[in-house]
C-alpha cells in the first residue's frame, strides 16, 4: 500500500513539474520558441513520461491556459452579477484583471500570446473562442450602460474595445517591467478616465499616474 501511494505521488509530481517547466519556458520564450526537449529537460523527466500525460506541446499549452482563463472569466461573471452600476462593474473588472496579472504573470503572458499571435502562428487552438469570452461580457455591460443612459459616445463594441485596449496596454507594459505594480488605485483611475473622459475639469474625479517610466 505504501509503495502504491509513493508511485502516485511520483506520478503527480512528474506532471506538476512538466506543467511548471512548460509555463516558465512558454512565458519566457514564447510557444514557437519552446521545444519539447527543453520542457522535459526543465522538468527532469523523459520524453515517454511527457507523452504519458500530454498528447503534444499544444496539449500542454492548453492545460496551462484553460484553468487560468476559466478562473478569470468566472470572476468577471461574478462581478457582473454583484454590481448594478456600469462604473462599479468596470472598476471591479479592471481591478480583478490587474490582480490576476500580479498573481500569475506567467499565465497572463500565455493569454497575451494567444490574443496577439499571428492567425497562423502559435498553438493550434480555437483562438477566437478565448479572445471573445472577455470581449462579449464587456460588450454586454457596455450595451446595458447605453440602454440605461449611463454611457454614450459610441456603440457597445467600440466602447468594449477601448477599455480592453487601455487594460491590455498596461498588462503588456507589466510583462516587460515585472517589478512595477498594477494597483487597484491604478485600475480605478483607468476606468475614471474611460468613464469621465480627459477634457479639462476644475476637480477631475481621478488623476492617473503611470507606474511605468520610459526614457
N, C-alpha and C. Protein backbone atom coordinates (compact mmCIF):
# COMPACT_ATOMS: atom_id res chain seq x y z
N UNK A 1 0.82 -1.21 0.00
CA UNK A 1 0.00 0.00 0.00
C UNK A 1 0.86 1.26 0.00
N UNK A 2 1.89 1.29 0.84
CA UNK A 2 2.78 2.45 0.88
C UNK A 2 3.49 2.66 -0.46
N UNK A 3 3.88 1.54 -1.10
CA UNK A 3 4.54 1.63 -2.41
C UNK A 3 3.61 2.26 -3.43
N UNK A 4 2.34 1.87 -3.40
CA UNK A 4 1.37 2.42 -4.35
C UNK A 4 1.22 3.92 -4.15
N UNK A 5 1.11 4.35 -2.89
CA UNK A 5 0.99 5.78 -2.61
C UNK A 5 2.22 6.54 -3.08
N UNK A 6 3.39 5.95 -2.89
CA UNK A 6 4.63 6.59 -3.32
C UNK A 6 4.65 6.76 -4.84
N UNK A 7 4.19 5.72 -5.57
CA UNK A 7 4.16 5.80 -7.03
C UNK A 7 3.18 6.87 -7.50
N UNK A 8 2.02 6.99 -6.85
CA UNK A 8 1.05 8.02 -7.21
C UNK A 8 1.64 9.40 -7.01
N UNK A 9 2.33 9.59 -5.85
CA UNK A 9 2.94 10.89 -5.58
C UNK A 9 3.98 11.23 -6.63
N UNK A 10 4.81 10.23 -7.00
CA UNK A 10 5.84 10.47 -8.01
C UNK A 10 5.21 10.82 -9.35
N UNK A 11 4.12 10.14 -9.71
CA UNK A 11 3.44 10.42 -10.98
C UNK A 11 2.89 11.84 -10.99
N UNK A 12 2.19 12.20 -9.90
CA UNK A 12 1.64 13.55 -9.82
C UNK A 12 2.73 14.60 -9.85
N UNK A 13 3.85 14.31 -9.20
CA UNK A 13 4.96 15.24 -9.17
C UNK A 13 5.53 15.44 -10.58
N UNK A 14 5.63 14.39 -11.36
CA UNK A 14 6.15 14.50 -12.72
C UNK A 14 5.25 15.37 -13.58
N UNK A 15 3.95 15.19 -13.44
CA UNK A 15 3.01 16.01 -14.21
C UNK A 15 3.11 17.48 -13.81
N UNK A 16 3.21 17.72 -12.50
CA UNK A 16 3.33 19.09 -12.00
C UNK A 16 4.60 19.75 -12.50
N UNK A 17 5.72 19.00 -12.48
CA UNK A 17 6.99 19.56 -12.94
C UNK A 17 6.96 19.86 -14.44
N UNK A 18 6.28 19.03 -15.20
CA UNK A 18 6.14 19.29 -16.64
C UNK A 18 5.34 20.57 -16.89
N UNK A 19 4.26 20.75 -16.16
CA UNK A 19 3.45 21.96 -16.31
C UNK A 19 4.24 23.20 -15.89
N UNK A 20 4.98 23.08 -14.79
CA UNK A 20 5.77 24.21 -14.31
C UNK A 20 6.87 24.57 -15.30
N UNK A 21 7.56 23.56 -15.83
CA UNK A 21 8.61 23.80 -16.81
C UNK A 21 8.05 24.45 -18.07
N UNK A 22 6.91 23.92 -18.56
CA UNK A 22 6.30 24.46 -19.77
C UNK A 22 5.85 25.91 -19.56
N UNK A 23 5.26 26.20 -18.39
CA UNK A 23 4.80 27.56 -18.11
C UNK A 23 5.95 28.54 -18.13
N UNK A 24 7.04 28.18 -17.49
CA UNK A 24 8.21 29.07 -17.45
C UNK A 24 8.75 29.31 -18.85
N UNK A 25 8.92 28.24 -19.62
CA UNK A 25 9.50 28.36 -20.96
C UNK A 25 8.56 29.10 -21.92
N UNK A 26 7.29 28.76 -21.91
CA UNK A 26 6.34 29.44 -22.79
C UNK A 26 6.31 30.94 -22.49
N UNK A 27 6.31 31.28 -21.20
CA UNK A 27 6.21 32.70 -20.83
C UNK A 27 7.48 33.48 -21.17
N UNK A 28 8.63 32.81 -21.12
CA UNK A 28 9.90 33.49 -21.38
C UNK A 28 10.29 33.48 -22.86
N UNK A 29 10.00 32.37 -23.56
CA UNK A 29 10.46 32.22 -24.94
C UNK A 29 9.34 32.21 -25.97
N UNK A 30 8.12 32.12 -25.50
CA UNK A 30 7.00 32.01 -26.42
C UNK A 30 6.74 30.57 -26.81
N UNK A 31 5.55 30.35 -27.35
CA UNK A 31 5.16 28.99 -27.72
C UNK A 31 6.07 28.45 -28.83
N UNK A 32 6.25 29.24 -29.88
CA UNK A 32 7.05 28.78 -31.02
C UNK A 32 8.52 28.58 -30.63
N UNK A 33 9.00 29.37 -29.68
CA UNK A 33 10.41 29.31 -29.31
C UNK A 33 10.75 28.24 -28.28
N UNK A 34 9.76 27.47 -27.87
CA UNK A 34 9.97 26.43 -26.86
C UNK A 34 9.85 25.05 -27.50
N UNK A 35 10.78 24.18 -27.20
CA UNK A 35 10.75 22.82 -27.75
C UNK A 35 10.36 21.81 -26.68
N UNK A 36 9.88 20.66 -27.13
CA UNK A 36 9.57 19.56 -26.22
C UNK A 36 10.81 19.16 -25.44
N UNK A 37 11.94 19.13 -26.09
CA UNK A 37 13.19 18.74 -25.43
C UNK A 37 13.48 19.66 -24.25
N UNK A 38 13.31 20.96 -24.44
CA UNK A 38 13.57 21.91 -23.35
C UNK A 38 12.59 21.72 -22.19
N UNK A 39 11.36 21.41 -22.52
CA UNK A 39 10.36 21.20 -21.46
C UNK A 39 10.71 19.99 -20.61
N UNK A 40 11.07 18.87 -21.25
CA UNK A 40 11.37 17.67 -20.47
C UNK A 40 12.68 17.82 -19.69
N UNK A 41 13.63 18.55 -20.26
CA UNK A 41 14.88 18.81 -19.53
C UNK A 41 14.60 19.67 -18.31
N UNK A 42 13.75 20.68 -18.47
CA UNK A 42 13.41 21.54 -17.34
C UNK A 42 12.67 20.81 -16.24
N UNK A 43 11.88 19.79 -16.64
CA UNK A 43 11.11 19.02 -15.67
C UNK A 43 11.90 17.86 -15.09
N UNK A 44 13.02 17.50 -15.74
CA UNK A 44 13.82 16.38 -15.26
C UNK A 44 13.16 15.03 -15.48
N UNK A 45 12.43 14.91 -16.61
CA UNK A 45 11.77 13.64 -16.93
C UNK A 45 12.19 13.20 -18.33
N UNK A 46 11.68 12.06 -18.76
CA UNK A 46 11.98 11.56 -20.09
C UNK A 46 10.83 11.88 -21.04
N UNK A 47 11.09 11.75 -22.33
CA UNK A 47 10.06 12.01 -23.33
C UNK A 47 8.82 11.11 -23.17
N UNK A 48 9.00 9.81 -22.91
CA UNK A 48 7.81 8.96 -22.71
C UNK A 48 6.94 9.42 -21.54
N UNK A 49 7.57 9.96 -20.50
CA UNK A 49 6.78 10.45 -19.36
C UNK A 49 5.91 11.61 -19.80
N UNK A 50 6.46 12.53 -20.59
CA UNK A 50 5.66 13.65 -21.07
C UNK A 50 4.47 13.16 -21.87
N UNK A 51 4.71 12.20 -22.78
CA UNK A 51 3.63 11.73 -23.64
C UNK A 51 2.64 10.83 -22.90
N UNK A 52 2.99 10.42 -21.70
CA UNK A 52 2.03 9.69 -20.86
C UNK A 52 0.94 10.65 -20.37
N UNK A 53 1.33 11.89 -20.08
CA UNK A 53 0.40 12.87 -19.53
C UNK A 53 -0.20 13.80 -20.57
N UNK A 54 0.56 14.08 -21.63
CA UNK A 54 0.13 15.09 -22.60
C UNK A 54 0.29 14.56 -24.03
N UNK A 55 -0.65 14.93 -24.89
CA UNK A 55 -0.61 14.46 -26.27
C UNK A 55 0.56 15.08 -27.04
N UNK A 56 0.76 16.38 -26.84
CA UNK A 56 1.81 17.12 -27.56
C UNK A 56 2.00 18.48 -26.88
N UNK A 57 2.78 19.33 -27.52
CA UNK A 57 3.07 20.65 -26.95
C UNK A 57 1.80 21.50 -26.86
N UNK A 58 0.93 21.39 -27.84
CA UNK A 58 -0.33 22.14 -27.81
C UNK A 58 -1.19 21.73 -26.62
N UNK A 59 -1.20 20.45 -26.33
CA UNK A 59 -1.97 19.96 -25.18
C UNK A 59 -1.44 20.55 -23.88
N UNK A 60 -0.12 20.64 -23.76
CA UNK A 60 0.49 21.26 -22.59
C UNK A 60 0.07 22.71 -22.46
N UNK A 61 0.13 23.44 -23.57
CA UNK A 61 -0.24 24.85 -23.57
C UNK A 61 -1.70 25.01 -23.16
N UNK A 62 -2.56 24.16 -23.72
CA UNK A 62 -3.99 24.24 -23.41
C UNK A 62 -4.26 23.94 -21.94
N UNK A 63 -3.55 22.96 -21.39
CA UNK A 63 -3.74 22.59 -19.98
C UNK A 63 -3.31 23.72 -19.04
N UNK A 64 -2.36 24.52 -19.47
CA UNK A 64 -1.94 25.69 -18.68
C UNK A 64 -2.92 26.84 -18.86
N UNK A 65 -3.38 27.02 -20.08
CA UNK A 65 -4.19 28.18 -20.42
C UNK A 65 -5.62 28.08 -19.88
N UNK A 66 -6.25 26.95 -20.05
CA UNK A 66 -7.67 26.84 -19.77
C UNK A 66 -8.04 27.09 -18.30
N UNK A 67 -7.27 26.57 -17.31
CA UNK A 67 -7.63 26.90 -15.92
C UNK A 67 -7.52 28.39 -15.61
N UNK A 68 -6.47 29.04 -16.15
CA UNK A 68 -6.30 30.47 -15.90
C UNK A 68 -7.45 31.27 -16.51
N UNK A 69 -7.85 30.92 -17.73
CA UNK A 69 -8.95 31.63 -18.37
C UNK A 69 -10.28 31.33 -17.71
N UNK A 70 -10.47 30.08 -17.29
CA UNK A 70 -11.73 29.71 -16.63
C UNK A 70 -11.89 30.49 -15.32
N UNK A 71 -10.80 30.58 -14.54
CA UNK A 71 -10.85 31.34 -13.28
C UNK A 71 -11.16 32.80 -13.55
N UNK A 72 -10.53 33.35 -14.58
CA UNK A 72 -10.71 34.77 -14.91
C UNK A 72 -12.13 35.06 -15.37
N UNK A 73 -12.62 34.28 -16.33
CA UNK A 73 -13.96 34.55 -16.86
C UNK A 73 -15.04 34.31 -15.80
N UNK A 74 -14.83 33.34 -14.93
CA UNK A 74 -15.78 33.11 -13.84
C UNK A 74 -15.82 34.31 -12.89
N UNK A 75 -14.64 34.86 -12.61
CA UNK A 75 -14.59 36.02 -11.71
C UNK A 75 -15.27 37.23 -12.35
N UNK A 76 -15.13 37.39 -13.67
CA UNK A 76 -15.78 38.51 -14.35
C UNK A 76 -17.30 38.36 -14.33
N UNK A 77 -17.77 37.15 -14.50
CA UNK A 77 -19.21 36.91 -14.46
C UNK A 77 -19.77 37.20 -13.07
N UNK A 78 -19.01 36.82 -12.04
CA UNK A 78 -19.45 37.09 -10.67
C UNK A 78 -19.49 38.59 -10.41
N UNK A 79 -18.52 39.32 -10.96
CA UNK A 79 -18.50 40.78 -10.80
C UNK A 79 -19.73 41.38 -11.46
N UNK A 80 -20.04 40.91 -12.64
CA UNK A 80 -21.21 41.45 -13.36
C UNK A 80 -22.48 41.28 -12.54
N UNK A 81 -22.59 40.17 -11.85
CA UNK A 81 -23.80 39.88 -11.07
C UNK A 81 -23.81 40.59 -9.72
N UNK A 82 -22.65 41.11 -9.29
CA UNK A 82 -22.54 41.69 -7.95
C UNK A 82 -22.70 43.21 -7.93
N UNK A 83 -22.62 43.84 -9.11
CA UNK A 83 -22.71 45.30 -9.19
C UNK A 83 -23.88 45.68 -10.08
N UNK A 84 -24.56 46.75 -9.73
CA UNK A 84 -25.70 47.21 -10.53
C UNK A 84 -25.31 48.31 -11.50
N UNK A 85 -24.37 49.20 -11.10
CA UNK A 85 -23.98 50.31 -11.97
C UNK A 85 -22.80 49.92 -12.85
N UNK A 86 -22.77 50.48 -14.05
CA UNK A 86 -21.72 50.16 -15.02
C UNK A 86 -20.34 50.52 -14.47
N UNK A 87 -20.20 51.71 -13.90
CA UNK A 87 -18.88 52.13 -13.45
C UNK A 87 -18.35 51.21 -12.35
N UNK A 88 -19.22 50.73 -11.47
CA UNK A 88 -18.80 49.80 -10.44
C UNK A 88 -18.34 48.49 -11.03
N UNK A 89 -19.06 47.99 -12.03
CA UNK A 89 -18.68 46.75 -12.70
C UNK A 89 -17.32 46.91 -13.39
N UNK A 90 -17.18 48.00 -14.12
CA UNK A 90 -15.94 48.19 -14.89
C UNK A 90 -14.73 48.34 -13.96
N UNK A 91 -14.88 49.06 -12.87
CA UNK A 91 -13.77 49.20 -11.93
C UNK A 91 -13.40 47.85 -11.33
N UNK A 92 -14.41 47.07 -10.96
CA UNK A 92 -14.13 45.75 -10.39
C UNK A 92 -13.47 44.84 -11.41
N UNK A 93 -13.87 44.93 -12.67
CA UNK A 93 -13.26 44.10 -13.72
C UNK A 93 -11.80 44.45 -13.93
N UNK A 94 -11.49 45.75 -13.98
CA UNK A 94 -10.09 46.13 -14.19
C UNK A 94 -9.27 45.81 -12.95
N UNK A 95 -9.83 46.01 -11.76
CA UNK A 95 -9.12 45.61 -10.54
C UNK A 95 -8.79 44.12 -10.56
N UNK A 96 -9.78 43.30 -10.92
CA UNK A 96 -9.58 41.86 -10.95
C UNK A 96 -8.56 41.47 -12.01
N UNK A 97 -8.60 42.13 -13.17
CA UNK A 97 -7.65 41.85 -14.24
C UNK A 97 -6.23 42.17 -13.80
N UNK A 98 -6.04 43.31 -13.16
CA UNK A 98 -4.71 43.69 -12.68
C UNK A 98 -4.26 42.76 -11.55
N UNK A 99 -5.19 42.37 -10.68
CA UNK A 99 -4.83 41.46 -9.59
C UNK A 99 -4.37 40.11 -10.14
N UNK A 100 -5.05 39.61 -11.15
CA UNK A 100 -4.64 38.35 -11.78
C UNK A 100 -3.26 38.49 -12.41
N UNK A 101 -2.99 39.62 -13.02
CA UNK A 101 -1.68 39.86 -13.64
C UNK A 101 -0.58 39.83 -12.58
N UNK A 102 -0.87 40.42 -11.42
CA UNK A 102 0.11 40.42 -10.34
C UNK A 102 0.29 39.02 -9.75
N UNK A 103 -0.81 38.27 -9.64
CA UNK A 103 -0.78 36.95 -9.03
C UNK A 103 -0.13 35.90 -9.94
N UNK A 104 -0.40 35.96 -11.23
CA UNK A 104 0.04 34.92 -12.15
C UNK A 104 0.57 35.54 -13.43
N UNK A 105 1.70 36.27 -13.36
CA UNK A 105 2.21 36.97 -14.55
C UNK A 105 2.57 36.02 -15.69
N UNK A 106 3.06 34.83 -15.37
CA UNK A 106 3.42 33.89 -16.43
C UNK A 106 2.18 33.40 -17.15
N UNK A 107 1.13 33.11 -16.41
CA UNK A 107 -0.11 32.69 -17.04
C UNK A 107 -0.71 33.78 -17.91
N UNK A 108 -0.60 35.03 -17.47
CA UNK A 108 -1.11 36.15 -18.25
C UNK A 108 -0.33 36.30 -19.54
N UNK A 109 0.99 36.04 -19.49
CA UNK A 109 1.77 36.10 -20.73
C UNK A 109 1.30 35.08 -21.74
N UNK A 110 0.88 33.90 -21.26
CA UNK A 110 0.33 32.89 -22.16
C UNK A 110 -0.95 33.40 -22.82
N UNK A 111 -1.80 34.04 -22.03
CA UNK A 111 -3.04 34.58 -22.58
C UNK A 111 -2.74 35.64 -23.63
N UNK A 112 -1.77 36.52 -23.35
CA UNK A 112 -1.40 37.55 -24.32
C UNK A 112 -0.85 36.94 -25.60
N UNK A 113 -0.06 35.85 -25.46
CA UNK A 113 0.44 35.17 -26.65
C UNK A 113 -0.71 34.69 -27.51
N UNK A 114 -1.72 34.16 -26.87
CA UNK A 114 -2.87 33.65 -27.62
C UNK A 114 -3.61 34.80 -28.31
N UNK A 115 -3.81 35.90 -27.59
CA UNK A 115 -4.54 37.04 -28.15
C UNK A 115 -3.80 37.67 -29.34
N UNK A 116 -2.47 37.79 -29.21
CA UNK A 116 -1.73 38.60 -30.17
C UNK A 116 -0.85 37.82 -31.13
N UNK A 117 -0.88 36.49 -31.06
CA UNK A 117 -0.08 35.72 -32.02
C UNK A 117 -0.71 35.83 -33.41
N UNK A 118 0.09 35.71 -34.47
CA UNK A 118 -0.47 35.75 -35.83
C UNK A 118 -1.53 34.68 -36.02
N UNK A 119 -2.48 34.91 -36.93
CA UNK A 119 -3.57 33.94 -37.12
C UNK A 119 -3.10 32.51 -37.36
N UNK A 120 -1.99 32.35 -38.07
CA UNK A 120 -1.49 31.01 -38.37
C UNK A 120 -0.32 30.60 -37.48
N UNK A 121 -0.02 31.42 -36.48
CA UNK A 121 1.08 31.10 -35.57
C UNK A 121 0.56 30.64 -34.22
N UNK A 122 1.48 30.25 -33.36
CA UNK A 122 1.12 29.84 -32.01
C UNK A 122 0.44 28.49 -31.99
N UNK A 123 -0.11 28.13 -30.84
CA UNK A 123 -0.77 26.82 -30.70
C UNK A 123 -2.01 26.74 -31.58
N UNK A 124 -2.27 25.57 -32.11
CA UNK A 124 -3.41 25.37 -32.99
C UNK A 124 -4.66 25.06 -32.17
N UNK A 125 -5.14 26.09 -31.48
CA UNK A 125 -6.39 26.00 -30.74
C UNK A 125 -7.33 27.05 -31.30
N UNK A 126 -8.59 26.95 -30.97
CA UNK A 126 -9.58 27.91 -31.46
C UNK A 126 -9.42 29.23 -30.72
N UNK A 127 -8.55 30.09 -31.24
CA UNK A 127 -8.23 31.33 -30.54
C UNK A 127 -9.44 32.25 -30.41
N UNK A 128 -10.32 32.22 -31.39
CA UNK A 128 -11.46 33.13 -31.37
C UNK A 128 -12.33 32.90 -30.14
N UNK A 129 -12.46 31.64 -29.72
CA UNK A 129 -13.28 31.33 -28.54
C UNK A 129 -12.71 32.04 -27.31
N UNK A 130 -11.39 31.94 -27.12
CA UNK A 130 -10.75 32.55 -25.95
C UNK A 130 -10.78 34.06 -26.03
N UNK A 131 -10.52 34.60 -27.22
CA UNK A 131 -10.50 36.05 -27.38
C UNK A 131 -11.86 36.67 -27.09
N UNK A 132 -12.92 35.97 -27.48
CA UNK A 132 -14.25 36.55 -27.41
C UNK A 132 -14.88 36.50 -26.02
N UNK A 133 -14.39 35.64 -25.13
CA UNK A 133 -15.04 35.49 -23.83
C UNK A 133 -15.10 36.82 -23.08
N UNK A 134 -13.96 37.45 -22.89
CA UNK A 134 -13.93 38.72 -22.17
C UNK A 134 -14.62 39.82 -22.96
N UNK A 135 -14.37 39.82 -24.28
CA UNK A 135 -14.95 40.88 -25.12
C UNK A 135 -16.47 40.86 -25.08
N UNK A 136 -17.06 39.69 -25.21
CA UNK A 136 -18.53 39.60 -25.22
C UNK A 136 -19.12 40.07 -23.90
N UNK A 137 -18.50 39.69 -22.79
CA UNK A 137 -19.01 40.10 -21.49
C UNK A 137 -18.95 41.62 -21.35
N UNK A 138 -17.83 42.22 -21.75
CA UNK A 138 -17.71 43.68 -21.66
C UNK A 138 -18.67 44.37 -22.64
N UNK A 139 -18.83 43.80 -23.82
CA UNK A 139 -19.77 44.36 -24.78
C UNK A 139 -21.18 44.39 -24.20
N UNK A 140 -21.58 43.33 -23.53
CA UNK A 140 -22.91 43.27 -22.93
C UNK A 140 -23.07 44.31 -21.83
N UNK A 141 -22.02 44.49 -21.02
CA UNK A 141 -22.07 45.50 -19.97
C UNK A 141 -22.18 46.90 -20.58
N UNK A 142 -21.42 47.15 -21.63
CA UNK A 142 -21.48 48.45 -22.31
C UNK A 142 -22.87 48.68 -22.90
N UNK A 143 -23.46 47.64 -23.48
CA UNK A 143 -24.79 47.79 -24.06
C UNK A 143 -25.82 48.11 -22.99
N UNK A 144 -25.72 47.47 -21.84
CA UNK A 144 -26.63 47.78 -20.74
C UNK A 144 -26.47 49.23 -20.31
N UNK A 145 -25.20 49.71 -20.27
CA UNK A 145 -24.95 51.10 -19.91
C UNK A 145 -25.52 52.07 -20.92
N UNK A 146 -25.43 51.73 -22.20
CA UNK A 146 -26.02 52.58 -23.24
C UNK A 146 -27.55 52.58 -23.13
N UNK A 147 -28.11 51.41 -22.87
CA UNK A 147 -29.57 51.29 -22.80
C UNK A 147 -30.16 52.07 -21.62
N UNK A 148 -29.43 52.09 -20.48
CA UNK A 148 -29.99 52.79 -19.31
C UNK A 148 -29.48 54.22 -19.16
N UNK A 149 -28.73 54.69 -20.15
CA UNK A 149 -28.31 56.09 -20.15
C UNK A 149 -27.05 56.38 -19.36
N UNK A 150 -26.35 55.37 -18.86
CA UNK A 150 -25.10 55.60 -18.13
C UNK A 150 -23.93 55.91 -19.06
N UNK A 151 -23.99 55.40 -20.29
CA UNK A 151 -22.90 55.57 -21.23
C UNK A 151 -23.40 56.21 -22.52
N UNK A 152 -22.47 56.84 -23.25
CA UNK A 152 -22.76 57.42 -24.55
C UNK A 152 -21.42 57.54 -25.30
N UNK A 153 -21.50 57.98 -26.54
CA UNK A 153 -20.27 58.27 -27.27
C UNK A 153 -19.79 57.18 -28.19
N UNK A 154 -20.52 56.09 -28.31
CA UNK A 154 -20.11 55.01 -29.20
C UNK A 154 -21.00 53.81 -29.02
N UNK A 155 -20.88 52.85 -29.95
CA UNK A 155 -21.66 51.63 -29.76
C UNK A 155 -20.95 50.72 -28.78
N UNK A 156 -21.64 49.64 -28.39
CA UNK A 156 -21.12 48.77 -27.33
C UNK A 156 -19.80 48.13 -27.71
N UNK A 157 -19.64 47.72 -28.98
CA UNK A 157 -18.40 47.10 -29.41
C UNK A 157 -17.23 48.07 -29.32
N UNK A 158 -17.46 49.30 -29.78
CA UNK A 158 -16.38 50.30 -29.73
C UNK A 158 -15.95 50.59 -28.30
N UNK A 159 -16.92 50.75 -27.42
CA UNK A 159 -16.59 51.05 -26.03
C UNK A 159 -15.86 49.88 -25.38
N UNK A 160 -16.27 48.65 -25.67
CA UNK A 160 -15.58 47.48 -25.12
C UNK A 160 -14.14 47.42 -25.62
N UNK A 161 -13.95 47.68 -26.91
CA UNK A 161 -12.60 47.66 -27.48
C UNK A 161 -11.70 48.73 -26.85
N UNK A 162 -12.27 49.90 -26.59
CA UNK A 162 -11.47 50.98 -25.99
C UNK A 162 -10.98 50.58 -24.60
N UNK A 163 -11.88 50.06 -23.77
CA UNK A 163 -11.47 49.70 -22.41
C UNK A 163 -10.49 48.53 -22.42
N UNK A 164 -10.73 47.54 -23.28
CA UNK A 164 -9.81 46.42 -23.38
C UNK A 164 -8.43 46.89 -23.82
N UNK A 165 -8.40 47.81 -24.79
CA UNK A 165 -7.11 48.35 -25.24
C UNK A 165 -6.36 49.06 -24.12
N UNK A 166 -7.08 49.81 -23.30
CA UNK A 166 -6.46 50.51 -22.18
C UNK A 166 -5.89 49.51 -21.17
N UNK A 167 -6.68 48.49 -20.83
CA UNK A 167 -6.22 47.47 -19.87
C UNK A 167 -5.00 46.74 -20.41
N UNK A 168 -5.10 46.27 -21.64
CA UNK A 168 -4.04 45.42 -22.20
C UNK A 168 -2.73 46.18 -22.39
N UNK A 169 -2.81 47.49 -22.64
CA UNK A 169 -1.58 48.28 -22.76
C UNK A 169 -0.80 48.24 -21.45
N UNK A 170 -1.48 48.34 -20.31
CA UNK A 170 -0.81 48.28 -19.02
C UNK A 170 -0.31 46.87 -18.72
N UNK A 171 -1.10 45.87 -19.09
CA UNK A 171 -0.68 44.49 -18.85
C UNK A 171 0.57 44.15 -19.66
N UNK A 172 0.61 44.58 -20.91
CA UNK A 172 1.80 44.32 -21.74
C UNK A 172 3.02 45.06 -21.19
N UNK A 173 2.81 46.29 -20.72
CA UNK A 173 3.93 47.02 -20.11
C UNK A 173 4.43 46.30 -18.88
N UNK A 174 3.51 45.76 -18.08
CA UNK A 174 3.88 45.00 -16.88
C UNK A 174 4.71 43.77 -17.25
N UNK A 175 4.40 43.13 -18.38
CA UNK A 175 5.14 41.93 -18.77
C UNK A 175 6.59 42.24 -19.09
N UNK A 176 6.87 43.48 -19.52
CA UNK A 176 8.25 43.89 -19.78
C UNK A 176 8.92 44.48 -18.55
N UNK A 177 8.13 45.00 -17.64
CA UNK A 177 8.67 45.62 -16.41
C UNK A 177 7.99 44.97 -15.21
N UNK A 178 8.35 43.72 -14.90
CA UNK A 178 7.62 42.95 -13.89
C UNK A 178 7.71 43.51 -12.47
N UNK A 179 8.67 44.38 -12.20
CA UNK A 179 8.80 44.91 -10.85
C UNK A 179 7.82 46.05 -10.58
N UNK A 180 7.12 46.52 -11.60
CA UNK A 180 6.14 47.59 -11.42
C UNK A 180 4.79 47.00 -11.04
N UNK A 181 4.04 47.71 -10.21
CA UNK A 181 2.82 47.16 -9.61
C UNK A 181 1.58 47.76 -10.26
N UNK A 182 0.67 46.89 -10.71
CA UNK A 182 -0.63 47.33 -11.23
C UNK A 182 -1.62 47.33 -10.06
N UNK A 183 -1.77 48.48 -9.45
CA UNK A 183 -2.54 48.59 -8.21
C UNK A 183 -4.04 48.73 -8.48
N UNK A 184 -4.83 48.53 -7.43
CA UNK A 184 -6.27 48.73 -7.55
C UNK A 184 -6.59 50.21 -7.78
N UNK A 185 -5.75 51.10 -7.22
CA UNK A 185 -5.95 52.54 -7.44
C UNK A 185 -5.75 52.89 -8.91
N UNK A 186 -4.74 52.26 -9.52
CA UNK A 186 -4.50 52.47 -10.94
C UNK A 186 -5.68 51.96 -11.76
N UNK A 187 -6.20 50.81 -11.39
CA UNK A 187 -7.35 50.24 -12.10
C UNK A 187 -8.55 51.19 -12.06
N UNK A 188 -8.82 51.73 -10.88
CA UNK A 188 -9.97 52.62 -10.74
C UNK A 188 -9.74 53.93 -11.49
N UNK A 189 -8.51 54.42 -11.47
CA UNK A 189 -8.21 55.64 -12.21
C UNK A 189 -8.37 55.46 -13.70
N UNK A 190 -8.01 54.28 -14.18
CA UNK A 190 -8.14 53.99 -15.61
C UNK A 190 -9.61 54.02 -16.03
N UNK A 191 -10.47 53.45 -15.20
CA UNK A 191 -11.90 53.45 -15.52
C UNK A 191 -12.47 54.86 -15.41
N UNK A 192 -11.98 55.65 -14.46
CA UNK A 192 -12.44 57.04 -14.36
C UNK A 192 -12.12 57.80 -15.65
N UNK A 193 -10.91 57.59 -16.18
CA UNK A 193 -10.54 58.25 -17.44
C UNK A 193 -11.47 57.79 -18.56
N UNK A 194 -11.74 56.49 -18.62
CA UNK A 194 -12.65 55.96 -19.64
C UNK A 194 -14.05 56.54 -19.46
N UNK A 195 -14.53 56.55 -18.23
CA UNK A 195 -15.92 56.90 -17.94
C UNK A 195 -16.18 58.40 -18.04
N UNK A 196 -15.26 59.19 -17.50
CA UNK A 196 -15.48 60.63 -17.43
C UNK A 196 -14.75 61.41 -18.53
N UNK A 197 -13.80 60.78 -19.22
CA UNK A 197 -13.08 61.47 -20.27
C UNK A 197 -11.92 62.29 -19.74
N UNK A 198 -11.17 62.88 -20.64
CA UNK A 198 -9.98 63.64 -20.26
C UNK A 198 -10.10 65.13 -20.56
N UNK A 199 -11.31 65.61 -20.84
CA UNK A 199 -11.46 67.05 -21.05
C UNK A 199 -11.22 67.78 -19.73
N UNK A 200 -10.83 69.05 -19.80
CA UNK A 200 -10.46 69.79 -18.60
C UNK A 200 -11.64 69.93 -17.64
N UNK A 201 -11.35 69.69 -16.35
CA UNK A 201 -12.33 69.90 -15.30
C UNK A 201 -11.61 70.54 -14.11
N UNK A 202 -12.28 71.41 -13.40
CA UNK A 202 -11.67 72.06 -12.23
C UNK A 202 -11.29 71.03 -11.18
N UNK A 203 -12.14 70.05 -10.98
CA UNK A 203 -11.88 69.00 -10.00
C UNK A 203 -12.09 67.63 -10.65
N UNK A 204 -11.09 67.14 -11.38
CA UNK A 204 -11.25 65.86 -12.06
C UNK A 204 -11.45 64.73 -11.05
N UNK A 205 -12.27 63.72 -11.38
CA UNK A 205 -12.53 62.62 -10.45
C UNK A 205 -11.30 61.75 -10.22
N UNK A 206 -10.35 61.79 -11.14
CA UNK A 206 -9.14 60.97 -10.99
C UNK A 206 -7.99 61.63 -11.72
N UNK A 207 -6.80 61.52 -11.14
CA UNK A 207 -5.58 61.96 -11.82
C UNK A 207 -4.70 60.73 -11.96
N UNK A 208 -4.65 60.21 -13.15
CA UNK A 208 -3.97 58.94 -13.40
C UNK A 208 -2.45 59.11 -13.37
N UNK A 209 -1.78 58.24 -12.64
CA UNK A 209 -0.31 58.26 -12.57
C UNK A 209 0.22 56.89 -12.98
N UNK A 210 1.00 56.87 -14.03
CA UNK A 210 1.52 55.61 -14.54
C UNK A 210 2.65 55.10 -13.66
N UNK A 211 2.68 53.78 -13.39
CA UNK A 211 3.82 53.21 -12.66
C UNK A 211 5.03 53.01 -13.55
N UNK A 212 4.86 53.21 -14.86
CA UNK A 212 5.94 52.97 -15.82
C UNK A 212 6.59 54.29 -16.21
N UNK A 213 7.89 54.25 -16.35
CA UNK A 213 8.65 55.42 -16.79
C UNK A 213 9.53 55.01 -17.95
N UNK A 214 9.24 55.56 -19.11
CA UNK A 214 10.03 55.24 -20.30
C UNK A 214 11.00 56.38 -20.57
N UNK A 215 12.26 56.03 -20.83
CA UNK A 215 13.28 57.04 -21.10
C UNK A 215 13.30 57.33 -22.60
